[in-house]
Amino acid sequence: MYDRILLPTDGSKNSERAIVHALEIAKREHSEIIILNVVDSVYLTGLPEEEIITKTEALMQEESEKVLKNIVEIINNLESEDKEDYEKIKLTPLTKEGNAPDVILKITESEDINMIVIASSGKHLIDRFLLGSVTEKIVRHAKVPIMVIP
């Protein structure tokens, strides 16, 4: 039923809790997890144009590697009899540049995602009202089932 699960993550402790839930669903459903990290391009606007391209590519590669390493570490630290099943889950890291809710919604459609597992709020303190602005936009506009982890 859920062949491809999208797991947007920002590296926060709260998003780590969503990882465990995504892993459990993927283990039961034999799903692939697309691990999405969105780099907000607003932080790069002060750089000269030629530096933006070079730094963006390096930053995105670095973020993908860091997020995947974190998830593999979480799998390795799981105290479970089913640890081998978790290790068999196909993990596909993906780092994109842009506005997080827009990128998440576009990836959901372009990558044929069947489900989104997302934390209710991430790193940004200003986004901690209710669900968090990113999660709230995803809940309102996504066309697939969403599991929100508080």
N, C-alpha and C. Protein backbone atom coordinates (compact mmCIF):
# COMPACT_ATOMS: atom_id res chain seq x y z
N MET A 1 0.81 -1.19 0.00
CA MET A 1 0.00 0.00 0.00
C MET A 1 0.86 1.27 0.00
N TYR A 2 1.91 1.27 0.80
CA TYR A 2 2.81 2.42 0.87
C TYR A 2 4.18 2.00 0.34
N ASP A 3 4.33 2.05 -0.98
CA ASP A 3 5.58 1.62 -1.60
C ASP A 3 6.70 2.62 -1.40
N ARG A 4 6.35 3.92 -1.39
CA ARG A 4 7.35 4.98 -1.29
C ARG A 4 6.89 5.97 -0.22
N ILE A 5 7.67 6.05 0.84
CA ILE A 5 7.36 6.94 1.96
C ILE A 5 8.31 8.13 1.91
N LEU A 6 7.76 9.32 1.99
CA LEU A 6 8.58 10.53 2.04
C LEU A 6 8.79 10.91 3.50
N LEU A 7 10.05 11.09 3.86
CA LEU A 7 10.42 11.47 5.21
C LEU A 7 11.18 12.79 5.16
N PRO A 8 10.47 13.92 5.23
CA PRO A 8 11.16 15.20 5.28
C PRO A 8 11.83 15.35 6.65
N THR A 9 13.08 15.74 6.66
CA THR A 9 13.79 15.87 7.93
C THR A 9 14.70 17.08 7.89
N ASP A 10 14.82 17.75 9.03
CA ASP A 10 15.70 18.92 9.12
C ASP A 10 16.84 18.68 10.11
N GLY A 11 16.98 17.45 10.56
CA GLY A 11 18.06 17.13 11.48
C GLY A 11 17.76 17.43 12.94
N SER A 12 16.56 17.93 13.23
CA SER A 12 16.20 18.25 14.61
C SER A 12 15.88 16.98 15.38
N LYS A 13 15.89 17.08 16.70
CA LYS A 13 15.54 15.93 17.55
C LYS A 13 14.12 15.47 17.27
N ASN A 14 13.22 16.42 17.06
CA ASN A 14 11.84 16.06 16.79
C ASN A 14 11.70 15.28 15.48
N SER A 15 12.46 15.67 14.47
CA SER A 15 12.36 14.93 13.21
C SER A 15 12.96 13.53 13.34
N GLU A 16 13.85 13.34 14.30
CA GLU A 16 14.41 11.99 14.54
C GLU A 16 13.32 11.03 15.00
N ARG A 17 12.34 11.53 15.75
CA ARG A 17 11.24 10.66 16.19
C ARG A 17 10.41 10.20 15.00
N ALA A 18 10.29 11.04 13.98
CA ALA A 18 9.55 10.66 12.78
C ALA A 18 10.28 9.53 12.04
N ILE A 19 11.59 9.52 12.13
CA ILE A 19 12.39 8.49 11.46
C ILE A 19 12.00 7.11 11.94
N VAL A 20 11.86 6.95 13.24
CA VAL A 20 11.52 5.64 13.82
C VAL A 20 10.17 5.17 13.32
N HIS A 21 9.20 6.08 13.23
CA HIS A 21 7.87 5.71 12.73
C HIS A 21 7.93 5.33 11.25
N ALA A 22 8.68 6.09 10.46
CA ALA A 22 8.81 5.78 9.03
C ALA A 22 9.47 4.41 8.85
N LEU A 23 10.48 4.13 9.65
CA LEU A 23 11.16 2.83 9.56
C LEU A 23 10.20 1.68 9.88
N GLU A 24 9.37 1.85 10.89
CA GLU A 24 8.43 0.80 11.27
C GLU A 24 7.43 0.53 10.15
N ILE A 25 6.90 1.59 9.56
CA ILE A 25 5.95 1.43 8.45
C ILE A 25 6.65 0.77 7.26
N ALA A 26 7.84 1.24 6.94
CA ALA A 26 8.59 0.69 5.80
C ALA A 26 8.92 -0.78 6.01
N LYS A 27 9.23 -1.15 7.24
CA LYS A 27 9.54 -2.55 7.53
C LYS A 27 8.32 -3.43 7.26
N ARG A 28 7.15 -3.00 7.73
CA ARG A 28 5.92 -3.78 7.55
C ARG A 28 5.45 -3.80 6.10
N GLU A 29 5.61 -2.68 5.40
CA GLU A 29 5.08 -2.54 4.04
C GLU A 29 6.12 -2.86 2.96
N HIS A 30 7.37 -3.14 3.37
CA HIS A 30 8.47 -3.36 2.42
C HIS A 30 8.62 -2.15 1.50
N SER A 31 8.64 -0.97 2.12
CA SER A 31 8.66 0.29 1.40
C SER A 31 10.07 0.85 1.28
N GLU A 32 10.21 1.74 0.32
CA GLU A 32 11.40 2.57 0.20
C GLU A 32 11.12 3.87 0.94
N ILE A 33 12.14 4.40 1.62
CA ILE A 33 12.00 5.69 2.29
C ILE A 33 12.83 6.71 1.52
N ILE A 34 12.17 7.76 1.07
CA ILE A 34 12.86 8.88 0.43
C ILE A 34 13.08 9.90 1.54
N ILE A 35 14.33 10.11 1.89
CA ILE A 35 14.69 11.02 2.99
C ILE A 35 14.98 12.38 2.37
N LEU A 36 14.10 13.33 2.64
CA LEU A 36 14.21 14.64 2.01
C LEU A 36 14.70 15.69 3.00
N ASN A 37 15.75 16.38 2.59
CA ASN A 37 16.26 17.52 3.34
C ASN A 37 16.20 18.71 2.39
N VAL A 38 15.55 19.79 2.85
CA VAL A 38 15.40 20.97 2.01
C VAL A 38 16.31 22.07 2.54
N VAL A 39 17.18 22.57 1.66
CA VAL A 39 18.07 23.68 2.00
C VAL A 39 17.37 24.95 1.54
N ASP A 40 17.07 25.83 2.49
CA ASP A 40 16.38 27.08 2.17
C ASP A 40 17.35 28.02 1.48
N SER A 41 17.04 28.37 0.24
CA SER A 41 17.94 29.19 -0.58
C SER A 41 18.06 30.62 -0.07
N VAL A 42 17.21 31.04 0.85
CA VAL A 42 17.29 32.40 1.40
C VAL A 42 18.66 32.63 2.05
N TYR A 43 19.23 31.59 2.65
CA TYR A 43 20.51 31.73 3.34
C TYR A 43 21.68 31.91 2.38
N LEU A 44 21.47 31.65 1.11
CA LEU A 44 22.56 31.73 0.13
C LEU A 44 22.53 33.02 -0.68
N THR A 45 21.52 33.86 -0.50
CA THR A 45 21.34 35.02 -1.37
C THR A 45 22.42 36.08 -1.23
N GLY A 46 23.14 36.11 -0.12
CA GLY A 46 24.18 37.12 0.06
C GLY A 46 25.48 36.78 -0.63
N LEU A 47 25.62 35.60 -1.18
CA LEU A 47 26.87 35.19 -1.83
C LEU A 47 26.91 35.66 -3.28
N PRO A 48 28.12 35.91 -3.80
CA PRO A 48 28.24 36.22 -5.23
C PRO A 48 27.71 35.05 -6.07
N GLU A 49 27.21 35.35 -7.26
CA GLU A 49 26.52 34.36 -8.08
C GLU A 49 27.34 33.10 -8.35
N GLU A 50 28.62 33.25 -8.71
CA GLU A 50 29.42 32.05 -9.01
C GLU A 50 29.67 31.22 -7.76
N GLU A 51 29.74 31.87 -6.60
CA GLU A 51 29.92 31.12 -5.35
C GLU A 51 28.66 30.38 -4.97
N ILE A 52 27.50 30.95 -5.31
CA ILE A 52 26.22 30.32 -4.95
C ILE A 52 26.13 28.92 -5.54
N ILE A 53 26.46 28.79 -6.82
CA ILE A 53 26.36 27.49 -7.49
C ILE A 53 27.29 26.48 -6.84
N THR A 54 28.55 26.86 -6.62
CA THR A 54 29.53 25.95 -6.03
C THR A 54 29.14 25.59 -4.60
N LYS A 55 28.80 26.59 -3.79
CA LYS A 55 28.47 26.33 -2.39
C LYS A 55 27.17 25.56 -2.25
N THR A 56 26.20 25.84 -3.11
CA THR A 56 24.93 25.13 -3.05
C THR A 56 25.12 23.65 -3.32
N GLU A 57 25.87 23.30 -4.36
CA GLU A 57 26.11 21.89 -4.67
C GLU A 57 26.83 21.19 -3.54
N ALA A 58 27.85 21.83 -2.98
CA ALA A 58 28.61 21.24 -1.87
C ALA A 58 27.74 21.09 -0.63
N LEU A 59 26.96 22.12 -0.33
CA LEU A 59 26.09 22.08 0.84
C LEU A 59 25.04 20.99 0.71
N MET A 60 24.45 20.87 -0.46
CA MET A 60 23.41 19.86 -0.66
C MET A 60 23.98 18.45 -0.55
N GLN A 61 25.16 18.21 -1.10
CA GLN A 61 25.80 16.90 -0.99
C GLN A 61 26.12 16.59 0.47
N GLU A 62 26.65 17.58 1.17
CA GLU A 62 27.01 17.42 2.58
C GLU A 62 25.77 17.12 3.42
N GLU A 63 24.68 17.83 3.17
CA GLU A 63 23.44 17.61 3.92
C GLU A 63 22.87 16.22 3.66
N SER A 64 22.88 15.77 2.42
CA SER A 64 22.39 14.42 2.09
C SER A 64 23.17 13.36 2.85
N GLU A 65 24.49 13.49 2.84
CA GLU A 65 25.34 12.51 3.52
C GLU A 65 25.10 12.54 5.03
N LYS A 66 24.94 13.72 5.59
CA LYS A 66 24.74 13.86 7.03
C LYS A 66 23.40 13.24 7.47
N VAL A 67 22.35 13.50 6.71
CA VAL A 67 21.03 12.98 7.04
C VAL A 67 21.01 11.46 6.92
N LEU A 68 21.57 10.91 5.83
CA LEU A 68 21.61 9.46 5.66
C LEU A 68 22.42 8.80 6.76
N LYS A 69 23.56 9.39 7.11
CA LYS A 69 24.40 8.86 8.19
C LYS A 69 23.62 8.83 9.51
N ASN A 70 22.86 9.88 9.77
CA ASN A 70 22.06 9.96 10.99
C ASN A 70 21.02 8.84 11.04
N ILE A 71 20.36 8.57 9.93
CA ILE A 71 19.34 7.53 9.90
C ILE A 71 19.96 6.15 10.03
N VAL A 72 21.08 5.92 9.40
CA VAL A 72 21.77 4.64 9.54
C VAL A 72 22.20 4.45 11.00
N GLU A 73 22.63 5.51 11.64
CA GLU A 73 23.01 5.45 13.05
C GLU A 73 21.81 5.11 13.93
N ILE A 74 20.67 5.70 13.63
CA ILE A 74 19.44 5.39 14.39
C ILE A 74 19.08 3.92 14.21
N ILE A 75 19.18 3.40 12.99
CA ILE A 75 18.90 1.98 12.75
C ILE A 75 19.87 1.11 13.55
N ASN A 76 21.14 1.48 13.54
CA ASN A 76 22.14 0.69 14.27
C ASN A 76 21.91 0.71 15.78
N ASN A 77 21.31 1.78 16.29
CA ASN A 77 21.07 1.90 17.73
C ASN A 77 19.73 1.31 18.17
N LEU A 78 18.91 0.85 17.23
CA LEU A 78 17.62 0.28 17.59
C LEU A 78 17.83 -1.02 18.35
N GLU A 79 17.14 -1.13 19.43
CA GLU A 79 17.18 -2.37 20.22
C GLU A 79 15.97 -3.19 19.78
N SER A 80 16.17 -4.02 18.79
CA SER A 80 15.05 -4.76 18.23
C SER A 80 15.50 -6.10 17.69
N GLU A 81 14.59 -7.06 17.81
CA GLU A 81 14.85 -8.37 17.23
C GLU A 81 14.77 -8.29 15.71
N ASP A 82 14.09 -7.26 15.21
CA ASP A 82 13.87 -7.10 13.77
C ASP A 82 14.91 -6.18 13.13
N LYS A 83 16.05 -6.01 13.77
CA LYS A 83 17.07 -5.08 13.28
C LYS A 83 17.48 -5.39 11.85
N GLU A 84 17.59 -6.66 11.52
CA GLU A 84 17.95 -7.05 10.15
C GLU A 84 16.91 -6.57 9.14
N ASP A 85 15.63 -6.59 9.53
CA ASP A 85 14.58 -6.11 8.65
C ASP A 85 14.72 -4.61 8.40
N TYR A 86 15.09 -3.86 9.43
CA TYR A 86 15.30 -2.42 9.27
C TYR A 86 16.47 -2.14 8.33
N GLU A 87 17.51 -2.94 8.45
CA GLU A 87 18.70 -2.75 7.63
C GLU A 87 18.44 -3.05 6.15
N LYS A 88 17.38 -3.80 5.85
CA LYS A 88 17.03 -4.13 4.47
C LYS A 88 16.23 -3.03 3.78
N ILE A 89 15.74 -2.06 4.54
CA ILE A 89 14.92 -0.99 3.97
C ILE A 89 15.76 -0.13 3.03
N LYS A 90 15.22 0.10 1.85
CA LYS A 90 15.92 0.96 0.89
C LYS A 90 15.74 2.42 1.32
N LEU A 91 16.87 3.08 1.56
CA LEU A 91 16.89 4.49 1.96
C LEU A 91 17.47 5.31 0.82
N THR A 92 16.72 6.29 0.36
CA THR A 92 17.18 7.14 -0.73
C THR A 92 17.24 8.59 -0.24
N PRO A 93 18.46 9.10 -0.02
CA PRO A 93 18.57 10.50 0.43
C PRO A 93 18.37 11.45 -0.74
N LEU A 94 17.72 12.56 -0.46
CA LEU A 94 17.44 13.56 -1.47
C LEU A 94 17.52 14.93 -0.82
N THR A 95 18.36 15.80 -1.34
CA THR A 95 18.46 17.16 -0.82
C THR A 95 18.11 18.11 -1.96
N LYS A 96 17.19 19.00 -1.68
CA LYS A 96 16.74 19.97 -2.68
C LYS A 96 16.83 21.37 -2.09
N GLU A 97 16.92 22.33 -2.97
CA GLU A 97 16.97 23.73 -2.58
C GLU A 97 15.60 24.35 -2.79
N GLY A 98 15.18 25.21 -1.86
CA GLY A 98 13.92 25.92 -2.04
C GLY A 98 13.14 26.09 -0.76
N ASN A 99 11.90 26.46 -0.92
CA ASN A 99 10.97 26.64 0.20
C ASN A 99 10.46 25.25 0.61
N ALA A 100 10.65 24.89 1.87
CA ALA A 100 10.38 23.51 2.32
C ALA A 100 8.99 22.99 1.96
N PRO A 101 7.90 23.69 2.30
CA PRO A 101 6.59 23.11 1.96
C PRO A 101 6.40 22.90 0.45
N ASP A 102 6.85 23.87 -0.34
CA ASP A 102 6.71 23.76 -1.79
C ASP A 102 7.50 22.57 -2.33
N VAL A 103 8.73 22.41 -1.86
CA VAL A 103 9.58 21.31 -2.32
C VAL A 103 8.99 19.97 -1.90
N ILE A 104 8.52 19.87 -0.68
CA ILE A 104 7.93 18.62 -0.18
C ILE A 104 6.72 18.22 -1.03
N LEU A 105 5.86 19.18 -1.32
CA LEU A 105 4.68 18.89 -2.13
C LEU A 105 5.05 18.51 -3.57
N LYS A 106 6.04 19.16 -4.15
CA LYS A 106 6.48 18.83 -5.51
C LYS A 106 7.09 17.44 -5.57
N ILE A 107 7.94 17.12 -4.58
CA ILE A 107 8.58 15.80 -4.54
C ILE A 107 7.53 14.71 -4.35
N THR A 108 6.51 14.99 -3.55
CA THR A 108 5.44 14.01 -3.33
C THR A 108 4.81 13.60 -4.66
N GLU A 109 4.62 14.56 -5.54
CA GLU A 109 4.02 14.25 -6.84
C GLU A 109 5.04 13.66 -7.81
N SER A 110 6.21 14.28 -7.91
CA SER A 110 7.18 13.84 -8.92
C SER A 110 7.81 12.48 -8.61
N GLU A 111 7.88 12.12 -7.34
CA GLU A 111 8.51 10.84 -6.95
C GLU A 111 7.49 9.75 -6.66
N ASP A 112 6.22 10.00 -6.98
CA ASP A 112 5.16 9.01 -6.79
C ASP A 112 5.11 8.51 -5.33
N ILE A 113 5.09 9.44 -4.41
CA ILE A 113 5.06 9.14 -2.98
C ILE A 113 3.66 8.69 -2.57
N ASN A 114 3.58 7.66 -1.71
CA ASN A 114 2.30 7.15 -1.23
C ASN A 114 1.94 7.63 0.16
N MET A 115 2.93 8.11 0.92
CA MET A 115 2.69 8.54 2.29
C MET A 115 3.81 9.47 2.71
N ILE A 116 3.46 10.43 3.59
CA ILE A 116 4.45 11.34 4.17
C ILE A 116 4.46 11.11 5.67
N VAL A 117 5.65 10.97 6.24
CA VAL A 117 5.82 10.93 7.70
C VAL A 117 6.65 12.15 8.06
N ILE A 118 6.07 13.04 8.87
CA ILE A 118 6.71 14.31 9.16
C ILE A 118 6.51 14.69 10.63
N ALA A 119 7.50 15.35 11.19
CA ALA A 119 7.40 15.84 12.57
C ALA A 119 6.55 17.11 12.59
N SER A 120 5.92 17.37 13.73
CA SER A 120 5.02 18.52 13.82
C SER A 120 5.74 19.85 13.78
N SER A 121 6.95 19.91 14.25
CA SER A 121 7.74 21.15 14.13
C SER A 121 9.20 20.78 14.23
N GLY A 122 10.02 21.63 13.63
CA GLY A 122 11.44 21.31 13.57
C GLY A 122 12.30 22.29 14.32
N LYS A 123 13.39 22.71 13.70
CA LYS A 123 14.40 23.54 14.33
C LYS A 123 13.93 24.95 14.64
N HIS A 124 13.07 25.47 13.81
CA HIS A 124 12.78 26.89 13.86
C HIS A 124 11.77 27.22 14.97
N LEU A 125 12.23 27.93 16.00
CA LEU A 125 11.37 28.26 17.13
C LEU A 125 10.14 29.05 16.71
N ILE A 126 10.30 29.90 15.73
CA ILE A 126 9.17 30.70 15.27
C ILE A 126 8.07 29.84 14.66
N ASP A 127 8.43 28.64 14.20
CA ASP A 127 7.46 27.74 13.56
C ASP A 127 6.79 26.79 14.56
N ARG A 128 7.01 26.95 15.82
CA ARG A 128 6.50 26.00 16.80
C ARG A 128 5.05 26.25 17.22
N PHE A 129 4.36 27.15 16.58
CA PHE A 129 2.94 27.38 16.87
C PHE A 129 2.14 26.27 16.20
N LEU A 130 1.19 25.70 16.94
CA LEU A 130 0.35 24.61 16.46
C LEU A 130 1.20 23.49 15.87
N LEU A 131 1.04 23.18 14.61
CA LEU A 131 1.80 22.09 14.02
C LEU A 131 3.18 22.51 13.55
N GLY A 132 3.40 23.78 13.38
CA GLY A 132 4.60 24.26 12.71
C GLY A 132 4.20 24.65 11.31
N SER A 133 4.74 25.72 10.79
CA SER A 133 4.25 26.24 9.51
C SER A 133 4.47 25.28 8.35
N VAL A 134 5.59 24.59 8.31
CA VAL A 134 5.86 23.65 7.20
C VAL A 134 4.86 22.49 7.26
N THR A 135 4.74 21.87 8.41
CA THR A 135 3.84 20.73 8.56
C THR A 135 2.40 21.13 8.29
N GLU A 136 2.02 22.29 8.77
CA GLU A 136 0.65 22.76 8.58
C GLU A 136 0.33 22.91 7.10
N LYS A 137 1.25 23.46 6.33
CA LYS A 137 1.03 23.61 4.88
C LYS A 137 0.96 22.26 4.18
N ILE A 138 1.78 21.33 4.63
CA ILE A 138 1.76 19.99 4.04
C ILE A 138 0.42 19.31 4.32
N VAL A 139 -0.04 19.39 5.55
CA VAL A 139 -1.32 18.78 5.92
C VAL A 139 -2.46 19.36 5.09
N ARG A 140 -2.42 20.65 4.85
CA ARG A 140 -3.49 21.30 4.09
C ARG A 140 -3.48 20.95 2.60
N HIS A 141 -2.30 20.72 2.02
CA HIS A 141 -2.22 20.63 0.56
C HIS A 141 -1.80 19.27 0.00
N ALA A 142 -1.29 18.38 0.81
CA ALA A 142 -0.85 17.08 0.29
C ALA A 142 -2.03 16.23 -0.17
N LYS A 143 -1.79 15.41 -1.17
CA LYS A 143 -2.84 14.55 -1.72
C LYS A 143 -2.63 13.09 -1.35
N VAL A 144 -1.72 12.84 -0.39
CA VAL A 144 -1.47 11.48 0.08
C VAL A 144 -1.64 11.46 1.59
N PRO A 145 -1.78 10.27 2.19
CA PRO A 145 -1.88 10.19 3.64
C PRO A 145 -0.63 10.76 4.31
N ILE A 146 -0.84 11.37 5.46
CA ILE A 146 0.26 12.00 6.21
C ILE A 146 0.20 11.50 7.65
N MET A 147 1.36 11.12 8.16
CA MET A 147 1.46 10.81 9.59
C MET A 147 2.29 11.94 10.20
N VAL A 148 1.65 12.67 11.12
CA VAL A 148 2.34 13.77 11.80
C VAL A 148 2.76 13.29 13.18
N ILE A 149 4.05 13.41 13.46
CA ILE A 149 4.60 12.97 14.73
C ILE A 149 4.75 14.20 15.63
N PRO A 150 4.03 14.21 16.77
CA PRO A 150 4.12 15.40 17.67
C PRO A 150 5.46 15.50 18.35
